[in-house]
């Protein structure tokens, strides 16, 4: 689950926050958002990775079975990766977005949707430096419980098999650090960036859909007296725009999840690339497979944008900076 575009879901105001305040706000929004919606993101990953016979009938069924088999904390497998990397991810995105806005827009006070969209896309492309390895590691941990069921294991898997071909079995508890180390030792840095193309194909269209849709929806609630839309209107605009964009790019998210999943269950296919994955998915599971987890994605993205709106509206970053003045 990437906290994609949270820092740009807020309508511009007459006194925009500083870059430092935006960074703090984005980091806080990401940390709170990940904590709140991570179990739904875990369900999305497991539903998208199901091949053939379905282990889970839907999001609720997946969460209930996960809680029973792995406990409450089992629903937060992989959350530590997101919580650790969400702040550097946000720092890169904010710095890149500011750079591209200055480069593309002569007058930043003048709204230009095309330039804003291009700036967001540029920032999204830079963000994948962190997003791709972050999601790569997160997916392995999220899918571990599903693999245990596929392999007929009564307990959660403990990495009895290596995640990389030709590597010795470690017999250690599965962790992001262990997976990252194995990938670096066997495949180099490229191992952590498997699925980079699919990540870009998902995140760029998301930005293209989200930015203009949010701007237009938010503009419908513009108040001439205050010079901006109300918090409630901006909150709903962010939720709607984020959900629509998330559902629209779900097919690309499914491909990314399948490609980045290193450890496969019994009889599950491996993929050599985006085209190969799309072709196998279409032939073997039909067109509906491309929308697996769409509801979960909408339920994940909408609260993330709502939480971001709340953090920016309260001005947590500004309040923290004032304490150090």
Protein backbone atom coordinates (compact mmCIF):
# COMPACT_ATOMS: atom_id res chain seq x y z
CA UNK A 1 0.00 0.00 0.00
CA UNK A 2 1.61 3.16 -1.14
CA UNK A 3 0.52 6.48 0.48
CA UNK A 4 0.45 7.90 -2.96
CA UNK A 5 -0.45 11.57 -3.47
CA UNK A 6 -1.63 12.25 0.08
CA UNK A 7 0.37 15.46 0.17
CA UNK A 8 -1.54 16.90 -2.78
CA UNK A 9 -5.10 16.14 -1.75
CA UNK A 10 -5.56 19.49 -0.07
CA UNK A 11 -6.93 22.52 -1.80
CA UNK A 12 -4.58 25.49 -2.03
CA UNK A 13 -5.05 28.24 0.53
CA UNK A 14 -3.95 31.86 0.75
CA UNK A 15 -1.06 30.95 3.05
CA UNK A 16 0.39 27.61 1.97
CA UNK A 17 2.45 25.71 4.55
CA UNK A 18 6.23 25.55 4.29
CA UNK A 19 7.97 22.55 2.75
CA UNK A 20 8.97 21.37 6.25
CA UNK A 21 5.38 21.65 7.50
CA UNK A 22 4.11 19.80 4.42
CA UNK A 23 6.66 17.06 5.04
CA UNK A 24 5.54 16.67 8.67
CA UNK A 25 1.87 16.71 7.64
CA UNK A 26 2.48 14.15 4.90
CA UNK A 27 4.47 11.90 7.23
CA UNK A 28 1.86 12.06 10.01
CA UNK A 29 -0.98 11.45 7.53
CA UNK A 30 0.89 8.48 6.10
CA UNK A 31 1.68 6.94 9.48
CA UNK A 32 -1.89 7.34 10.77
CA UNK A 33 -3.38 6.21 7.46
CA UNK A 34 -1.24 3.07 7.22
CA UNK A 35 -2.14 2.11 10.79
CA UNK A 36 -5.87 2.53 10.15
CA UNK A 37 -6.29 0.79 6.80
CA UNK A 38 -3.43 -1.72 6.62
CA UNK A 39 -5.60 -4.81 7.33
CA UNK A 40 -7.76 -3.93 4.29
CA UNK A 41 -4.60 -3.57 2.19
CA UNK A 42 -3.47 -7.00 3.37
CA UNK A 43 -6.83 -8.46 2.28
CA UNK A 44 -6.41 -6.76 -1.12
CA UNK A 45 -2.99 -8.37 -1.66
CA UNK A 46 -4.22 -11.85 -0.71
CA UNK A 47 -7.34 -11.57 -2.89
CA UNK A 48 -5.29 -10.39 -5.87
CA UNK A 49 -2.84 -13.29 -5.50
CA UNK A 50 -5.52 -16.00 -5.44
CA UNK A 51 -5.18 -18.44 -8.32
CA UNK A 52 -7.80 -21.02 -9.29
CA UNK A 53 -9.62 -22.22 -6.17
CA UNK A 54 -10.40 -19.25 -3.95
CA UNK A 55 -9.25 -19.49 -0.33
CA UNK A 56 -11.05 -16.26 0.54
CA UNK A 57 -14.56 -15.37 -0.63
CA UNK A 58 -14.06 -11.65 -0.10
CA UNK A 59 -12.50 -8.98 2.08
CA UNK A 60 -14.48 -9.78 5.26
CA UNK A 61 -13.90 -13.52 4.87
CA UNK A 62 -10.18 -12.89 4.34
CA UNK A 63 -9.85 -10.71 7.44
CA UNK A 64 -11.83 -13.15 9.61
CA UNK A 65 -9.76 -16.15 8.49
CA UNK A 66 -6.53 -14.18 8.93
CA UNK A 67 -7.50 -13.10 12.45
CA UNK A 68 -8.43 -16.68 13.41
CA UNK A 69 -5.29 -18.27 11.95
CA UNK A 70 -2.68 -15.59 12.66
CA UNK A 71 -4.17 -13.44 15.40
CA UNK A 72 -4.90 -9.71 15.37
CA UNK A 73 -1.27 -8.80 14.61
CA UNK A 74 -1.38 -11.15 11.63
CA UNK A 75 -3.50 -8.53 9.86
CA UNK A 76 -0.56 -6.13 10.19
CA UNK A 77 2.08 -8.34 8.53
CA UNK A 78 4.33 -6.00 6.54
CA UNK A 79 3.04 -2.82 8.20
CA UNK A 80 6.46 -2.10 9.73
CA UNK A 81 7.93 -1.71 6.22
CA UNK A 82 5.34 0.91 5.32
CA UNK A 83 5.62 2.72 8.66
CA UNK A 84 9.42 2.88 8.31
CA UNK A 85 9.57 4.06 4.69
CA UNK A 86 6.49 6.30 4.44
CA UNK A 87 8.39 9.42 5.61
CA UNK A 88 11.33 9.18 3.14
CA UNK A 89 8.81 8.30 0.43
CA UNK A 90 6.92 11.48 1.27
CA UNK A 91 10.11 13.58 1.42
CA UNK A 92 11.10 12.53 -2.10
CA UNK A 93 7.59 13.15 -3.45
CA UNK A 94 7.27 16.60 -1.84
CA UNK A 95 10.71 17.77 -2.98
CA UNK A 96 10.12 16.47 -6.51
CA UNK A 97 6.64 18.00 -6.71
CA UNK A 98 7.93 21.43 -5.62
CA UNK A 99 10.75 21.19 -8.18
CA UNK A 100 8.44 20.27 -11.06
CA UNK A 101 5.87 22.92 -10.09
CA UNK A 102 8.55 25.62 -10.19
CA UNK A 103 9.87 24.25 -13.47
CA UNK A 104 6.50 23.97 -15.22
CA UNK A 105 4.42 26.79 -13.75
CA UNK A 106 5.41 30.43 -14.24
CA UNK A 107 2.89 31.64 -11.68
CA UNK A 108 2.16 29.10 -8.94
CA UNK A 109 -0.85 31.11 -7.75
CA UNK A 110 -2.50 30.64 -11.17
CA UNK A 111 -4.19 27.25 -11.34
CA UNK A 112 -3.12 25.18 -14.34
CA UNK A 113 -4.50 21.67 -14.17
CA UNK A 114 -2.32 20.30 -16.96
CA UNK A 115 0.86 21.56 -15.33
CA UNK A 116 -0.27 20.36 -11.89
CA UNK A 117 -0.98 16.96 -13.36
CA UNK A 118 2.45 16.83 -15.01
CA UNK A 119 4.13 17.93 -11.77
CA UNK A 120 2.29 15.19 -9.88
CA UNK A 121 3.30 12.60 -12.45
CA UNK A 122 6.94 13.70 -12.23
CA UNK A 123 6.82 13.45 -8.45
CA UNK A 124 5.19 10.03 -8.70
CA UNK A 125 7.99 8.82 -10.99
CA UNK A 126 10.61 9.97 -8.48
CA UNK A 127 8.68 8.45 -5.57
CA UNK A 128 8.98 4.90 -6.95
CA UNK A 129 12.61 4.91 -5.81
CA UNK A 130 11.14 4.14 -2.36
CA UNK A 131 7.65 2.88 -3.30
CA UNK A 132 8.81 -0.07 -5.41
CA UNK A 133 11.09 -1.80 -2.85
CA UNK A 134 8.69 -0.85 -0.04
CA UNK A 135 5.76 -2.61 -1.72
CA UNK A 136 7.99 -5.45 -2.88
CA UNK A 137 8.89 -6.33 0.72
CA UNK A 138 5.41 -5.60 2.07
CA UNK A 139 3.72 -7.95 -0.42
CA UNK A 140 5.93 -10.93 0.57
CA UNK A 141 4.98 -10.48 4.24
CA UNK A 142 1.29 -9.86 3.52
CA UNK A 143 0.96 -12.96 1.34
CA UNK A 144 2.77 -15.31 3.75
CA UNK A 145 -0.43 -16.42 5.52
CA UNK A 146 -2.19 -17.25 2.25
CA UNK A 147 0.80 -19.34 1.16
CA UNK A 148 0.65 -21.30 4.43
CA UNK A 149 -2.95 -22.28 3.63
CA UNK A 150 -2.03 -23.14 0.02
CA UNK A 151 0.76 -25.41 1.22
CA UNK A 152 -1.49 -27.07 3.81
CA UNK A 153 0.46 -25.67 6.75
CA UNK A 154 -1.36 -25.38 10.05
CA UNK A 155 0.84 -22.53 11.22
CA UNK A 156 2.00 -19.30 9.63
CA UNK A 157 5.07 -19.78 7.42
CA UNK A 158 8.44 -19.03 8.92
CA UNK A 159 10.48 -18.75 5.74
CA UNK A 160 11.29 -22.47 5.55
CA UNK A 161 11.88 -21.87 1.86
CA UNK A 162 14.10 -19.08 0.58
CA UNK A 163 12.59 -16.24 -1.38
CA UNK A 164 15.36 -16.39 -3.95
CA UNK A 165 16.33 -19.26 -6.21
CA UNK A 166 19.51 -21.05 -5.28
CA UNK A 167 19.73 -19.53 -1.82
CA UNK A 168 20.00 -21.74 1.23
CA UNK A 169 17.04 -22.09 3.51
CA UNK A 170 17.39 -19.82 6.53
CA UNK A 171 14.87 -21.32 8.97
CA UNK A 172 14.47 -17.88 10.49
CA UNK A 173 11.28 -16.00 11.07
CA UNK A 174 10.26 -14.18 7.92
CA UNK A 175 11.07 -10.47 8.02
CA UNK A 176 11.55 -7.58 5.60
CA UNK A 177 15.24 -7.39 6.56
CA UNK A 178 15.76 -11.08 5.79
CA UNK A 179 14.00 -10.86 2.41
CA UNK A 180 15.88 -7.67 1.45
CA UNK A 181 19.22 -9.23 2.41
CA UNK A 182 18.54 -12.39 0.37
CA UNK A 183 17.52 -10.33 -2.66
CA UNK A 184 20.60 -8.10 -2.43
CA UNK A 185 22.92 -11.10 -2.05
CA UNK A 186 21.46 -13.11 -4.93
CA UNK A 187 20.11 -10.54 -7.38
CA UNK A 188 21.67 -7.25 -6.36
CA UNK A 189 19.77 -3.98 -6.17
CA UNK A 190 17.65 -5.03 -9.16
CA UNK A 191 16.02 -7.69 -7.00
CA UNK A 192 14.41 -5.03 -4.81
CA UNK A 193 13.12 -3.21 -7.89
CA UNK A 194 11.31 -6.13 -9.52
CA UNK A 195 8.02 -4.80 -10.84
CA UNK A 196 9.33 -1.24 -11.28
CA UNK A 197 7.67 -0.90 -14.68
CA UNK A 198 4.33 -2.13 -13.30
CA UNK A 199 4.61 0.29 -10.36
CA UNK A 200 5.13 3.21 -12.75
CA UNK A 201 2.25 2.02 -14.94
CA UNK A 202 -0.02 2.09 -11.89
CA UNK A 203 1.11 5.30 -10.20
CA UNK A 204 1.30 7.59 -13.26
CA UNK A 205 -2.28 6.91 -14.49
CA UNK A 206 -3.45 7.30 -10.89
CA UNK A 207 -2.02 10.83 -10.83
CA UNK A 208 -3.44 11.65 -14.26
CA UNK A 209 -6.94 10.67 -13.09
CA UNK A 210 -6.77 11.97 -9.53
CA UNK A 211 -5.39 15.50 -9.88
CA UNK A 212 -7.88 16.97 -12.40
CA UNK A 213 -10.81 15.07 -10.86
CA UNK A 214 -10.06 16.33 -7.36
CA UNK A 215 -9.49 19.89 -8.59
CA UNK A 216 -12.81 19.99 -10.45
CA UNK A 217 -14.81 18.36 -7.65
CA UNK A 218 -13.23 20.63 -5.07
CA UNK A 219 -13.89 23.70 -7.21
CA UNK A 220 -17.65 22.95 -7.09
CA UNK A 221 -17.61 23.84 -3.40
CA UNK A 222 -15.51 27.01 -3.73
CA UNK A 223 -16.59 29.69 -1.26
CA UNK A 224 -15.91 33.26 -2.41
CA UNK A 225 -15.97 34.59 1.16
CA UNK A 226 -13.27 32.23 2.47
CA UNK A 227 -11.42 31.82 -0.83
CA UNK A 228 -11.51 28.03 -0.68
CA UNK A 229 -13.85 25.05 -0.34
CA UNK A 230 -15.03 23.96 3.08
CA UNK A 231 -13.18 21.19 4.89
CA UNK A 232 -16.13 18.80 4.52
CA UNK A 233 -16.32 19.44 0.76
CA UNK A 234 -12.56 19.01 0.28
CA UNK A 235 -12.69 15.86 2.41
CA UNK A 236 -15.40 14.32 0.23
CA UNK A 237 -13.72 15.49 -2.99
CA UNK A 238 -10.48 13.79 -1.95
CA UNK A 239 -12.27 10.59 -0.97
CA UNK A 240 -14.28 10.40 -4.21
CA UNK A 241 -11.37 11.32 -6.51
CA UNK A 242 -9.02 8.93 -4.72
CA UNK A 243 -11.47 6.05 -4.82
CA UNK A 244 -12.30 6.55 -8.51
CA UNK A 245 -8.61 6.72 -9.44
CA UNK A 246 -7.79 3.69 -7.27
CA UNK A 247 -10.51 1.52 -8.85
CA UNK A 248 -9.59 2.70 -12.36
CA UNK A 249 -5.98 1.51 -12.02
CA UNK A 250 -6.83 -1.74 -10.20
CA UNK A 251 -5.96 -3.92 -13.26
CA UNK A 252 -2.45 -2.45 -13.19
CA UNK A 253 -2.24 -2.98 -9.43
CA UNK A 254 -3.20 -6.64 -9.89
CA UNK A 255 -0.40 -7.09 -12.44
CA UNK A 256 2.09 -5.36 -10.12
CA UNK A 257 1.10 -7.56 -7.17
CA UNK A 258 1.38 -10.78 -9.18
CA UNK A 259 4.76 -9.79 -10.66
CA UNK A 260 6.23 -8.69 -7.31
CA UNK A 261 5.11 -11.82 -5.43
CA UNK A 262 8.25 -13.94 -5.32
CA UNK A 263 7.00 -17.03 -3.49
CA UNK A 264 4.20 -18.89 -5.26
CA UNK A 265 1.74 -21.46 -4.00
CA UNK A 266 1.35 -24.96 -5.41
CA UNK A 267 0.41 -24.79 -9.12
CA UNK A 268 0.62 -20.98 -9.28
CA UNK A 269 2.22 -19.33 -12.30
CA UNK A 270 5.35 -17.22 -12.44
CA UNK A 271 5.53 -14.24 -14.82
CA UNK A 272 8.35 -12.96 -16.99
CA UNK A 273 6.92 -9.46 -17.38
CA UNK A 274 3.83 -7.25 -17.61
CA UNK A 275 2.64 -8.58 -20.99
CA UNK A 276 3.20 -12.20 -20.00
CA UNK A 277 1.32 -11.67 -16.72
CA UNK A 278 -1.62 -9.93 -18.44
CA UNK A 279 -1.90 -12.66 -21.08
CA UNK A 280 -1.85 -15.52 -18.56
CA UNK A 281 -4.31 -13.75 -16.30
CA UNK A 282 -6.75 -13.17 -19.19
CA UNK A 283 -6.53 -16.74 -20.52
CA UNK A 284 -6.55 -18.63 -17.22
CA UNK A 285 -8.76 -16.51 -14.97
CA UNK A 286 -10.75 -14.29 -17.32
CA UNK A 287 -11.23 -10.50 -17.46
CA UNK A 288 -12.80 -10.33 -13.99
CA UNK A 289 -9.42 -11.27 -12.47
CA UNK A 290 -8.10 -7.83 -13.41
CA UNK A 291 -10.51 -6.24 -10.91
CA UNK A 292 -9.59 -8.42 -7.93
CA UNK A 293 -9.34 -6.31 -4.81
CA UNK A 294 -10.97 -3.24 -6.42
CA UNK A 295 -13.33 -2.74 -3.48
CA UNK A 296 -10.46 -3.08 -1.02
CA UNK A 297 -8.43 -0.51 -2.92
CA UNK A 298 -11.30 1.98 -2.80
CA UNK A 299 -11.73 1.37 0.93
CA UNK A 300 -7.99 1.86 1.50
CA UNK A 301 -7.50 5.00 -0.59
CA UNK A 302 -10.62 6.93 0.54
CA UNK A 303 -9.70 6.97 4.28
CA UNK A 304 -6.07 7.79 3.41
CA UNK A 305 -7.18 10.94 1.62
CA UNK A 306 -9.67 11.77 4.38
CA UNK A 307 -6.98 11.42 7.03
CA UNK A 308 -4.63 13.60 4.98
CA UNK A 309 -7.34 16.28 4.77
CA UNK A 310 -7.77 16.17 8.54
CA UNK A 311 -4.04 16.45 9.23
CA UNK A 312 -3.66 19.42 6.87
CA UNK A 313 -6.83 21.11 8.14
CA UNK A 314 -5.62 20.87 11.76
CA UNK A 315 -2.14 21.99 10.69
CA UNK A 316 -0.16 19.48 12.76
CA UNK A 317 3.09 20.30 10.94
CA UNK A 318 2.70 24.03 11.57
CA UNK A 319 1.87 23.43 15.26
CA UNK A 320 4.96 21.25 15.73
CA UNK A 321 7.22 23.84 14.07
CA UNK A 322 5.82 26.59 16.29
CA UNK A 323 6.94 24.63 19.36
CA UNK A 324 10.55 24.95 18.19
CA UNK A 325 10.40 28.69 17.39
